[in-house]
Amino acid sequence: MSDVGERSENNMLEILIKPSTTLANWYFWVGLLGLMLAVLNILGLIHPTYRVSWGGLFTFEYTNQAFGAKDDAAALVASDLIFIALAGGVTFLGARSLIGDGTPAEWLNSLATSKWYNDLFDFEAGWNLVLGTWLMVASMVFYFYWGIMYLGWIDPGVYSISISLMGLGLVLRMFASIDSDE
């Protein structure tokens, strides 16, 4: 009986540290977002008046306050370094799985030479693919525009709009890949 429990724990750990392609994509992009937010926080550009304490944010202010006034807050604290390590680790796990047997240079080259932008106008592939791709682009443009113009990188309203657009875009693109026989 204990063998079953140990195997299921090992399988869960295996899933987390050797993710599937879908989970690896999530790891990589969410990790990069975390690294970007950490750098913006250290530079004081994450919000017009606040600095984020990642320890306070992730413990729901159990350990300390999640937001401090930018004027009197330290530029770099331990929670920044811990958050950078966690986000970097998640990014690394995702990238390692996505690279597979190839080299990191080959993988980065495949990202740079991807022809995803052709899907923006590939009406023969179907409206789901076209609309899904446009929604994903709109999500990224909206998030970066709002972040740059208003320093709203951590605004929950901006997140909710961006994530809704991104999620709908991903679902529509997945629908486009389903054969009509299925």
N, C-alpha and C. Protein backbone atom coordinates (compact mmCIF):
# COMPACT_ATOMS: atom_id res chain seq x y z
N MET A 1 0.82 -1.19 0.00
CA MET A 1 0.00 0.00 0.00
C MET A 1 0.86 1.25 0.00
N SER A 2 1.97 1.24 0.77
CA SER A 2 2.82 2.42 0.82
C SER A 2 3.53 2.64 -0.51
N ASP A 3 3.75 1.56 -1.29
CA ASP A 3 4.37 1.71 -2.60
C ASP A 3 3.53 2.59 -3.51
N VAL A 4 2.21 2.44 -3.43
CA VAL A 4 1.31 3.24 -4.27
C VAL A 4 1.43 4.71 -3.90
N GLY A 5 1.45 5.02 -2.61
CA GLY A 5 1.58 6.41 -2.17
C GLY A 5 2.91 7.01 -2.58
N GLU A 6 3.99 6.24 -2.43
CA GLU A 6 5.31 6.73 -2.82
C GLU A 6 5.39 6.95 -4.32
N ARG A 7 4.81 6.02 -5.10
CA ARG A 7 4.82 6.18 -6.55
C ARG A 7 4.05 7.41 -6.98
N SER A 8 2.89 7.66 -6.36
CA SER A 8 2.11 8.83 -6.75
C SER A 8 2.83 10.12 -6.37
N GLU A 9 3.53 10.12 -5.22
CA GLU A 9 4.31 11.30 -4.85
C GLU A 9 5.45 11.51 -5.83
N ASN A 10 6.13 10.42 -6.22
CA ASN A 10 7.21 10.53 -7.19
C ASN A 10 6.69 10.99 -8.54
N ASN A 11 5.51 10.49 -8.95
CA ASN A 11 4.94 10.91 -10.23
C ASN A 11 4.61 12.40 -10.21
N MET A 12 4.07 12.91 -9.10
CA MET A 12 3.74 14.32 -9.01
C MET A 12 5.01 15.16 -9.09
N LEU A 13 6.06 14.74 -8.38
CA LEU A 13 7.33 15.46 -8.44
C LEU A 13 7.88 15.42 -9.86
N GLU A 14 7.77 14.28 -10.50
CA GLU A 14 8.23 14.12 -11.89
C GLU A 14 7.48 15.08 -12.82
N ILE A 15 6.17 15.19 -12.64
CA ILE A 15 5.37 16.10 -13.46
C ILE A 15 5.81 17.54 -13.26
N LEU A 16 6.13 17.89 -12.03
CA LEU A 16 6.50 19.28 -11.73
C LEU A 16 7.90 19.64 -12.21
N ILE A 17 8.85 18.71 -12.09
CA ILE A 17 10.22 19.06 -12.48
C ILE A 17 10.57 18.67 -13.92
N LYS A 18 9.74 17.83 -14.54
CA LYS A 18 9.91 17.48 -15.95
C LYS A 18 8.56 17.67 -16.63
N PRO A 19 8.15 18.92 -16.82
CA PRO A 19 6.80 19.19 -17.31
C PRO A 19 6.59 18.80 -18.77
N SER A 20 5.31 18.59 -19.09
CA SER A 20 4.93 18.36 -20.49
C SER A 20 5.17 19.65 -21.27
N THR A 21 5.02 19.59 -22.56
CA THR A 21 5.25 20.77 -23.39
C THR A 21 4.30 21.90 -23.01
N THR A 22 3.04 21.58 -22.77
CA THR A 22 2.06 22.61 -22.40
C THR A 22 2.44 23.25 -21.07
N LEU A 23 2.73 22.44 -20.07
CA LEU A 23 3.11 22.98 -18.76
C LEU A 23 4.45 23.72 -18.85
N ALA A 24 5.37 23.21 -19.66
CA ALA A 24 6.67 23.87 -19.83
C ALA A 24 6.50 25.26 -20.44
N ASN A 25 5.58 25.39 -21.39
CA ASN A 25 5.31 26.72 -21.96
C ASN A 25 4.80 27.66 -20.88
N TRP A 26 3.88 27.17 -20.05
CA TRP A 26 3.37 28.00 -18.95
C TRP A 26 4.50 28.37 -17.99
N TYR A 27 5.32 27.40 -17.61
CA TYR A 27 6.45 27.66 -16.72
C TYR A 27 7.33 28.76 -17.30
N PHE A 28 7.70 28.60 -18.56
CA PHE A 28 8.64 29.53 -19.17
C PHE A 28 8.08 30.94 -19.21
N TRP A 29 6.88 31.12 -19.72
CA TRP A 29 6.34 32.47 -19.90
C TRP A 29 5.92 33.11 -18.57
N VAL A 30 5.36 32.33 -17.65
CA VAL A 30 5.02 32.89 -16.33
C VAL A 30 6.29 33.22 -15.56
N GLY A 31 7.32 32.39 -15.70
CA GLY A 31 8.60 32.68 -15.06
C GLY A 31 9.23 33.95 -15.60
N LEU A 32 9.18 34.13 -16.92
CA LEU A 32 9.70 35.37 -17.51
C LEU A 32 8.92 36.59 -17.04
N LEU A 33 7.60 36.46 -16.94
CA LEU A 33 6.78 37.55 -16.42
C LEU A 33 7.20 37.88 -14.99
N GLY A 34 7.43 36.85 -14.17
CA GLY A 34 7.88 37.07 -12.80
C GLY A 34 9.23 37.77 -12.74
N LEU A 35 10.16 37.36 -13.59
CA LEU A 35 11.47 38.03 -13.62
C LEU A 35 11.34 39.48 -14.04
N MET A 36 10.49 39.75 -15.04
CA MET A 36 10.28 41.12 -15.48
C MET A 36 9.68 41.96 -14.35
N LEU A 37 8.68 41.43 -13.64
CA LEU A 37 8.06 42.17 -12.54
C LEU A 37 9.06 42.40 -11.41
N ALA A 38 9.92 41.44 -11.15
CA ALA A 38 10.93 41.61 -10.10
C ALA A 38 11.89 42.74 -10.45
N VAL A 39 12.34 42.78 -11.69
CA VAL A 39 13.25 43.85 -12.12
C VAL A 39 12.54 45.20 -12.06
N LEU A 40 11.30 45.26 -12.52
CA LEU A 40 10.55 46.52 -12.45
C LEU A 40 10.36 46.97 -11.01
N ASN A 41 10.15 46.03 -10.10
CA ASN A 41 9.99 46.37 -8.69
C ASN A 41 11.29 46.94 -8.11
N ILE A 42 12.40 46.32 -8.44
CA ILE A 42 13.70 46.80 -7.95
C ILE A 42 13.99 48.20 -8.50
N LEU A 43 13.63 48.43 -9.75
CA LEU A 43 13.86 49.75 -10.36
C LEU A 43 12.84 50.79 -9.90
N GLY A 44 11.81 50.36 -9.19
CA GLY A 44 10.78 51.29 -8.72
C GLY A 44 9.77 51.66 -9.78
N LEU A 45 9.62 50.81 -10.80
CA LEU A 45 8.73 51.11 -11.92
C LEU A 45 7.49 50.23 -11.96
N ILE A 46 7.25 49.46 -10.92
CA ILE A 46 6.13 48.52 -10.95
C ILE A 46 4.80 49.21 -10.65
N HIS A 47 4.85 50.30 -9.89
CA HIS A 47 3.65 51.05 -9.50
C HIS A 47 4.07 52.49 -9.24
N PRO A 48 3.18 53.45 -9.48
CA PRO A 48 3.57 54.85 -9.27
C PRO A 48 3.95 55.20 -7.83
N THR A 49 3.34 54.57 -6.84
CA THR A 49 3.60 54.97 -5.45
C THR A 49 4.05 53.83 -4.54
N TYR A 50 4.02 52.58 -4.99
CA TYR A 50 4.33 51.44 -4.13
C TYR A 50 5.53 50.65 -4.61
N ARG A 51 6.11 49.92 -3.67
CA ARG A 51 7.03 48.82 -3.96
C ARG A 51 6.33 47.56 -3.47
N VAL A 52 6.55 46.47 -4.14
CA VAL A 52 5.92 45.21 -3.76
C VAL A 52 6.87 44.43 -2.86
N SER A 53 6.34 43.90 -1.78
CA SER A 53 7.06 42.93 -0.97
C SER A 53 6.50 41.57 -1.36
N TRP A 54 7.29 40.80 -2.09
CA TRP A 54 6.80 39.51 -2.59
C TRP A 54 6.46 38.58 -1.45
N GLY A 55 7.23 38.65 -0.35
CA GLY A 55 6.92 37.82 0.81
C GLY A 55 5.56 38.17 1.39
N GLY A 56 5.27 39.45 1.50
CA GLY A 56 3.97 39.88 2.00
C GLY A 56 2.84 39.55 1.04
N LEU A 57 3.10 39.68 -0.25
CA LEU A 57 2.08 39.41 -1.25
C LEU A 57 1.69 37.93 -1.27
N PHE A 58 2.68 37.05 -1.26
CA PHE A 58 2.40 35.62 -1.38
C PHE A 58 1.95 34.98 -0.07
N THR A 59 2.16 35.66 1.06
CA THR A 59 1.65 35.13 2.33
C THR A 59 0.40 35.88 2.77
N PHE A 60 -0.17 36.64 1.86
CA PHE A 60 -1.38 37.43 2.16
C PHE A 60 -1.18 38.29 3.40
N GLU A 61 -0.01 38.93 3.45
CA GLU A 61 0.40 39.86 4.52
C GLU A 61 0.52 39.19 5.89
N TYR A 62 0.73 37.89 5.91
CA TYR A 62 0.95 37.19 7.17
C TYR A 62 2.33 37.54 7.72
N THR A 63 3.34 37.60 6.84
CA THR A 63 4.70 37.88 7.28
C THR A 63 5.01 39.37 7.36
N ASN A 64 4.48 40.13 6.44
CA ASN A 64 4.71 41.57 6.39
C ASN A 64 3.73 42.19 5.40
N GLN A 65 3.75 43.51 5.29
CA GLN A 65 2.85 44.18 4.36
C GLN A 65 3.25 43.87 2.92
N ALA A 66 2.26 43.74 2.06
CA ALA A 66 2.53 43.41 0.66
C ALA A 66 3.01 44.62 -0.13
N PHE A 67 2.56 45.80 0.26
CA PHE A 67 2.93 47.02 -0.46
C PHE A 67 3.47 48.04 0.52
N GLY A 68 4.57 48.68 0.13
CA GLY A 68 5.15 49.74 0.94
C GLY A 68 5.31 50.98 0.09
N ALA A 69 5.30 52.13 0.75
CA ALA A 69 5.48 53.39 0.02
C ALA A 69 6.84 53.38 -0.66
N LYS A 70 6.87 53.80 -1.91
CA LYS A 70 8.10 53.78 -2.69
C LYS A 70 9.16 54.70 -2.09
N ASP A 71 8.73 55.80 -1.48
CA ASP A 71 9.67 56.80 -0.98
C ASP A 71 10.56 56.28 0.14
N ASP A 72 10.01 55.47 1.05
CA ASP A 72 10.80 55.02 2.19
C ASP A 72 11.10 53.52 2.18
N ALA A 73 10.79 52.82 1.09
CA ALA A 73 11.05 51.38 1.01
C ALA A 73 12.45 51.13 0.44
N ALA A 74 13.07 50.06 0.91
CA ALA A 74 14.37 49.67 0.39
C ALA A 74 14.23 49.21 -1.06
N ALA A 75 15.24 49.48 -1.86
CA ALA A 75 15.19 49.11 -3.28
C ALA A 75 15.28 47.61 -3.48
N LEU A 76 16.06 46.94 -2.64
CA LEU A 76 16.26 45.50 -2.79
C LEU A 76 16.18 44.85 -1.41
N VAL A 77 15.28 43.90 -1.28
CA VAL A 77 15.12 43.18 -0.01
C VAL A 77 15.21 41.68 -0.28
N ALA A 78 15.25 40.91 0.79
CA ALA A 78 15.41 39.45 0.65
C ALA A 78 14.28 38.83 -0.16
N SER A 79 13.05 39.33 0.00
CA SER A 79 11.94 38.72 -0.75
C SER A 79 12.10 38.93 -2.25
N ASP A 80 12.76 40.01 -2.67
CA ASP A 80 13.05 40.21 -4.09
C ASP A 80 13.97 39.10 -4.60
N LEU A 81 15.00 38.81 -3.84
CA LEU A 81 15.96 37.78 -4.25
C LEU A 81 15.32 36.40 -4.27
N ILE A 82 14.48 36.11 -3.27
CA ILE A 82 13.78 34.82 -3.23
C ILE A 82 12.83 34.71 -4.42
N PHE A 83 12.10 35.79 -4.71
CA PHE A 83 11.17 35.77 -5.84
C PHE A 83 11.92 35.61 -7.16
N ILE A 84 13.05 36.28 -7.31
CA ILE A 84 13.86 36.13 -8.52
C ILE A 84 14.34 34.69 -8.66
N ALA A 85 14.77 34.09 -7.56
CA ALA A 85 15.22 32.69 -7.60
C ALA A 85 14.08 31.75 -8.00
N LEU A 86 12.89 31.96 -7.43
CA LEU A 86 11.74 31.11 -7.77
C LEU A 86 11.33 31.30 -9.23
N ALA A 87 11.22 32.56 -9.66
CA ALA A 87 10.83 32.82 -11.05
C ALA A 87 11.89 32.31 -12.02
N GLY A 88 13.15 32.48 -11.67
CA GLY A 88 14.23 31.96 -12.51
C GLY A 88 14.22 30.45 -12.57
N GLY A 89 13.93 29.80 -11.44
CA GLY A 89 13.83 28.34 -11.42
C GLY A 89 12.71 27.82 -12.29
N VAL A 90 11.56 28.46 -12.20
CA VAL A 90 10.41 28.05 -13.02
C VAL A 90 10.72 28.27 -14.50
N THR A 91 11.35 29.40 -14.81
CA THR A 91 11.74 29.68 -16.20
C THR A 91 12.72 28.62 -16.70
N PHE A 92 13.69 28.27 -15.86
CA PHE A 92 14.68 27.26 -16.22
C PHE A 92 14.02 25.90 -16.47
N LEU A 93 13.12 25.48 -15.56
CA LEU A 93 12.45 24.19 -15.74
C LEU A 93 11.66 24.15 -17.05
N GLY A 94 10.96 25.25 -17.35
CA GLY A 94 10.21 25.31 -18.60
C GLY A 94 11.12 25.27 -19.81
N ALA A 95 12.18 26.07 -19.78
CA ALA A 95 13.10 26.12 -20.92
C ALA A 95 13.79 24.78 -21.12
N ARG A 96 14.19 24.13 -20.02
CA ARG A 96 14.88 22.84 -20.12
C ARG A 96 13.99 21.81 -20.82
N SER A 97 12.71 21.80 -20.48
CA SER A 97 11.80 20.84 -21.13
C SER A 97 11.53 21.22 -22.57
N LEU A 98 11.43 22.51 -22.86
CA LEU A 98 11.15 22.94 -24.23
C LEU A 98 12.35 22.72 -25.15
N ILE A 99 13.55 22.86 -24.61
CA ILE A 99 14.76 22.66 -25.41
C ILE A 99 14.88 21.20 -25.82
N GLY A 100 14.55 20.29 -24.90
CA GLY A 100 14.60 18.85 -25.21
C GLY A 100 16.00 18.38 -25.51
N ASP A 101 16.17 17.68 -26.63
CA ASP A 101 17.47 17.13 -27.00
C ASP A 101 18.33 18.13 -27.76
N GLY A 102 17.76 19.23 -28.20
CA GLY A 102 18.52 20.23 -28.94
C GLY A 102 19.37 21.09 -28.03
N THR A 103 19.95 22.10 -28.61
CA THR A 103 20.76 23.04 -27.84
C THR A 103 19.94 24.29 -27.54
N PRO A 104 20.31 25.02 -26.49
CA PRO A 104 19.60 26.27 -26.21
C PRO A 104 19.64 27.25 -27.39
N ALA A 105 20.74 27.28 -28.12
CA ALA A 105 20.84 28.19 -29.26
C ALA A 105 19.83 27.81 -30.35
N GLU A 106 19.68 26.51 -30.61
CA GLU A 106 18.70 26.07 -31.61
C GLU A 106 17.29 26.43 -31.17
N TRP A 107 17.00 26.26 -29.90
CA TRP A 107 15.66 26.57 -29.38
C TRP A 107 15.38 28.07 -29.48
N LEU A 108 16.34 28.90 -29.08
CA LEU A 108 16.16 30.35 -29.18
C LEU A 108 15.99 30.77 -30.64
N ASN A 109 16.73 30.12 -31.54
CA ASN A 109 16.60 30.42 -32.96
C ASN A 109 15.21 30.05 -33.46
N SER A 110 14.67 28.93 -32.98
CA SER A 110 13.32 28.53 -33.41
C SER A 110 12.27 29.51 -32.89
N LEU A 111 12.50 30.10 -31.71
CA LEU A 111 11.58 31.13 -31.21
C LEU A 111 11.64 32.38 -32.08
N ALA A 112 12.85 32.75 -32.47
CA ALA A 112 13.03 33.97 -33.25
C ALA A 112 12.53 33.82 -34.68
N THR A 113 12.58 32.62 -35.23
CA THR A 113 12.18 32.42 -36.62
C THR A 113 10.78 31.84 -36.76
N SER A 114 10.05 31.78 -35.66
CA SER A 114 8.68 31.25 -35.70
C SER A 114 7.82 32.10 -36.63
N LYS A 115 6.93 31.46 -37.32
CA LYS A 115 6.06 32.16 -38.28
C LYS A 115 4.65 32.34 -37.73
N TRP A 116 4.51 32.50 -36.41
CA TRP A 116 3.20 32.64 -35.79
C TRP A 116 2.42 33.82 -36.36
N TYR A 117 3.12 34.87 -36.77
CA TYR A 117 2.44 36.06 -37.27
C TYR A 117 1.67 35.79 -38.56
N ASN A 118 2.00 34.72 -39.27
CA ASN A 118 1.22 34.36 -40.46
C ASN A 118 -0.21 33.98 -40.09
N ASP A 119 -0.40 33.49 -38.85
CA ASP A 119 -1.73 33.10 -38.39
C ASP A 119 -2.67 34.30 -38.25
N LEU A 120 -2.13 35.50 -38.19
CA LEU A 120 -2.97 36.70 -38.07
C LEU A 120 -3.85 36.90 -39.29
N PHE A 121 -3.39 36.41 -40.44
CA PHE A 121 -4.13 36.63 -41.69
C PHE A 121 -4.38 35.35 -42.47
N ASP A 122 -4.26 34.19 -41.83
CA ASP A 122 -4.45 32.91 -42.50
C ASP A 122 -5.92 32.50 -42.41
N PHE A 123 -6.77 33.18 -43.21
CA PHE A 123 -8.21 32.94 -43.16
C PHE A 123 -8.58 31.55 -43.66
N GLU A 124 -7.73 30.95 -44.48
CA GLU A 124 -8.00 29.60 -44.97
C GLU A 124 -7.93 28.58 -43.83
N ALA A 125 -7.15 28.88 -42.80
CA ALA A 125 -7.03 27.97 -41.65
C ALA A 125 -8.23 28.09 -40.72
N GLY A 126 -9.05 29.09 -40.93
CA GLY A 126 -10.27 29.24 -40.13
C GLY A 126 -10.23 30.47 -39.24
N TRP A 127 -11.44 30.91 -38.91
CA TRP A 127 -11.59 32.11 -38.09
C TRP A 127 -11.11 31.89 -36.66
N ASN A 128 -11.21 30.67 -36.16
CA ASN A 128 -10.75 30.41 -34.79
C ASN A 128 -9.26 30.73 -34.64
N LEU A 129 -8.47 30.30 -35.62
CA LEU A 129 -7.03 30.55 -35.57
C LEU A 129 -6.74 32.04 -35.69
N VAL A 130 -7.38 32.70 -36.63
CA VAL A 130 -7.13 34.13 -36.85
C VAL A 130 -7.56 34.95 -35.64
N LEU A 131 -8.78 34.75 -35.18
CA LEU A 131 -9.28 35.51 -34.04
C LEU A 131 -8.51 35.19 -32.77
N GLY A 132 -8.17 33.92 -32.57
CA GLY A 132 -7.39 33.54 -31.39
C GLY A 132 -6.02 34.21 -31.37
N THR A 133 -5.37 34.26 -32.51
CA THR A 133 -4.06 34.91 -32.58
C THR A 133 -4.18 36.40 -32.33
N TRP A 134 -5.20 37.04 -32.91
CA TRP A 134 -5.41 38.48 -32.67
C TRP A 134 -5.71 38.76 -31.21
N LEU A 135 -6.48 37.90 -30.55
CA LEU A 135 -6.78 38.10 -29.13
C LEU A 135 -5.52 37.97 -28.28
N MET A 136 -4.64 37.05 -28.62
CA MET A 136 -3.39 36.92 -27.88
C MET A 136 -2.51 38.15 -28.07
N VAL A 137 -2.44 38.66 -29.29
CA VAL A 137 -1.66 39.88 -29.54
C VAL A 137 -2.28 41.05 -28.79
N ALA A 138 -3.61 41.16 -28.82
CA ALA A 138 -4.29 42.26 -28.12
C ALA A 138 -4.02 42.18 -26.62
N SER A 139 -3.98 40.98 -26.07
CA SER A 139 -3.69 40.80 -24.65
C SER A 139 -2.32 41.36 -24.29
N MET A 140 -1.32 41.00 -25.07
CA MET A 140 0.05 41.46 -24.79
C MET A 140 0.20 42.96 -25.01
N VAL A 141 -0.38 43.46 -26.10
CA VAL A 141 -0.30 44.90 -26.38
C VAL A 141 -0.98 45.68 -25.27
N PHE A 142 -2.16 45.26 -24.83
CA PHE A 142 -2.88 45.95 -23.76
C PHE A 142 -2.06 45.96 -22.47
N TYR A 143 -1.53 44.80 -22.08
CA TYR A 143 -0.78 44.71 -20.82
C TYR A 143 0.46 45.61 -20.86
N PHE A 144 1.22 45.53 -21.94
CA PHE A 144 2.43 46.34 -22.02
C PHE A 144 2.11 47.82 -22.17
N TYR A 145 1.09 48.18 -22.93
CA TYR A 145 0.70 49.58 -23.06
C TYR A 145 0.31 50.15 -21.70
N TRP A 146 -0.55 49.44 -20.98
CA TRP A 146 -1.01 49.93 -19.68
C TRP A 146 0.15 50.00 -18.69
N GLY A 147 1.02 49.01 -18.72
CA GLY A 147 2.17 49.02 -17.81
C GLY A 147 3.13 50.16 -18.09
N ILE A 148 3.39 50.42 -19.35
CA ILE A 148 4.32 51.49 -19.71
C ILE A 148 3.71 52.86 -19.48
N MET A 149 2.48 53.04 -19.90
CA MET A 149 1.86 54.37 -19.81
C MET A 149 1.46 54.75 -18.39
N TYR A 150 0.99 53.79 -17.60
CA TYR A 150 0.42 54.12 -16.29
C TYR A 150 1.12 53.41 -15.13
N LEU A 151 2.24 52.73 -15.39
CA LEU A 151 2.92 51.92 -14.38
C LEU A 151 1.93 50.99 -13.68
N GLY A 152 1.05 50.41 -14.47
CA GLY A 152 0.02 49.52 -13.93
C GLY A 152 0.38 48.06 -14.08
N TRP A 153 1.63 47.71 -13.82
CA TRP A 153 2.08 46.34 -14.02
C TRP A 153 1.42 45.36 -13.07
N ILE A 154 0.99 45.83 -11.89
CA ILE A 154 0.39 44.92 -10.91
C ILE A 154 -1.08 45.25 -10.66
N ASP A 155 -1.70 45.96 -11.55
CA ASP A 155 -3.11 46.33 -11.41
C ASP A 155 -3.99 45.10 -11.68
N PRO A 156 -4.83 44.69 -10.71
CA PRO A 156 -5.67 43.50 -10.91
C PRO A 156 -6.63 43.64 -12.10
N GLY A 157 -7.12 44.83 -12.36
CA GLY A 157 -8.01 45.03 -13.49
C GLY A 157 -7.30 44.81 -14.81
N VAL A 158 -6.06 45.26 -14.90
CA VAL A 158 -5.27 45.06 -16.12
C VAL A 158 -5.00 43.57 -16.30
N TYR A 159 -4.64 42.88 -15.21
CA TYR A 159 -4.44 41.43 -15.28
C TYR A 159 -5.69 40.73 -15.76
N SER A 160 -6.84 41.09 -15.19
CA SER A 160 -8.06 40.36 -15.53
C SER A 160 -8.41 40.52 -17.00
N ILE A 161 -8.24 41.70 -17.54
CA ILE A 161 -8.51 41.90 -18.97
C ILE A 161 -7.49 41.14 -19.81
N SER A 162 -6.22 41.28 -19.47
CA SER A 162 -5.17 40.62 -20.25
C SER A 162 -5.31 39.10 -20.22
N ILE A 163 -5.55 38.55 -19.05
CA ILE A 163 -5.66 37.09 -18.92
C ILE A 163 -6.91 36.58 -19.64
N SER A 164 -8.00 37.34 -19.58
CA SER A 164 -9.22 36.92 -20.28
C SER A 164 -8.99 36.88 -21.79
N LEU A 165 -8.36 37.90 -22.31
CA LEU A 165 -8.06 37.93 -23.75
C LEU A 165 -7.11 36.80 -24.13
N MET A 166 -6.07 36.60 -23.32
CA MET A 166 -5.09 35.55 -23.61
C MET A 166 -5.74 34.17 -23.54
N GLY A 167 -6.52 33.92 -22.51
CA GLY A 167 -7.18 32.61 -22.36
C GLY A 167 -8.12 32.32 -23.51
N LEU A 168 -8.93 33.30 -23.88
CA LEU A 168 -9.86 33.11 -24.99
C LEU A 168 -9.09 32.88 -26.29
N GLY A 169 -8.01 33.61 -26.48
CA GLY A 169 -7.19 33.42 -27.67
C GLY A 169 -6.58 32.02 -27.73
N LEU A 170 -6.07 31.55 -26.61
CA LEU A 170 -5.50 30.20 -26.57
C LEU A 170 -6.55 29.14 -26.86
N VAL A 171 -7.73 29.29 -26.28
CA VAL A 171 -8.80 28.31 -26.51
C VAL A 171 -9.21 28.31 -27.98
N LEU A 172 -9.37 29.48 -28.58
CA LEU A 172 -9.75 29.54 -29.99
C LEU A 172 -8.67 28.91 -30.87
N ARG A 173 -7.40 29.13 -30.54
CA ARG A 173 -6.32 28.51 -31.31
C ARG A 173 -6.34 26.99 -31.14
N MET A 174 -6.69 26.52 -29.94
CA MET A 174 -6.79 25.07 -29.73
C MET A 174 -7.96 24.50 -30.53
N PHE A 175 -9.08 25.21 -30.57
CA PHE A 175 -10.21 24.77 -31.38
C PHE A 175 -9.82 24.67 -32.85
N ALA A 176 -8.97 25.57 -33.31
CA ALA A 176 -8.55 25.55 -34.71
C ALA A 176 -7.73 24.31 -35.04
N SER A 177 -7.08 23.72 -34.04
CA SER A 177 -6.24 22.55 -34.30
C SER A 177 -7.01 21.24 -34.23
N ILE A 178 -8.29 21.28 -33.84
CA ILE A 178 -9.10 20.07 -33.75
C ILE A 178 -9.64 19.73 -35.14
N ASP A 179 -9.48 18.47 -35.53
CA ASP A 179 -10.03 18.03 -36.81
C ASP A 179 -11.55 17.94 -36.70
N SER A 180 -12.23 18.15 -37.81
CA SER A 180 -13.69 18.10 -37.80
C SER A 180 -14.21 16.69 -37.52
N ASP A 181 -13.38 15.66 -37.74
CA ASP A 181 -13.78 14.29 -37.46
C ASP A 181 -13.86 14.02 -35.97
N GLU A 182 -13.12 14.77 -35.19
CA GLU A 182 -13.10 14.55 -33.74
C GLU A 182 -14.31 15.18 -33.19
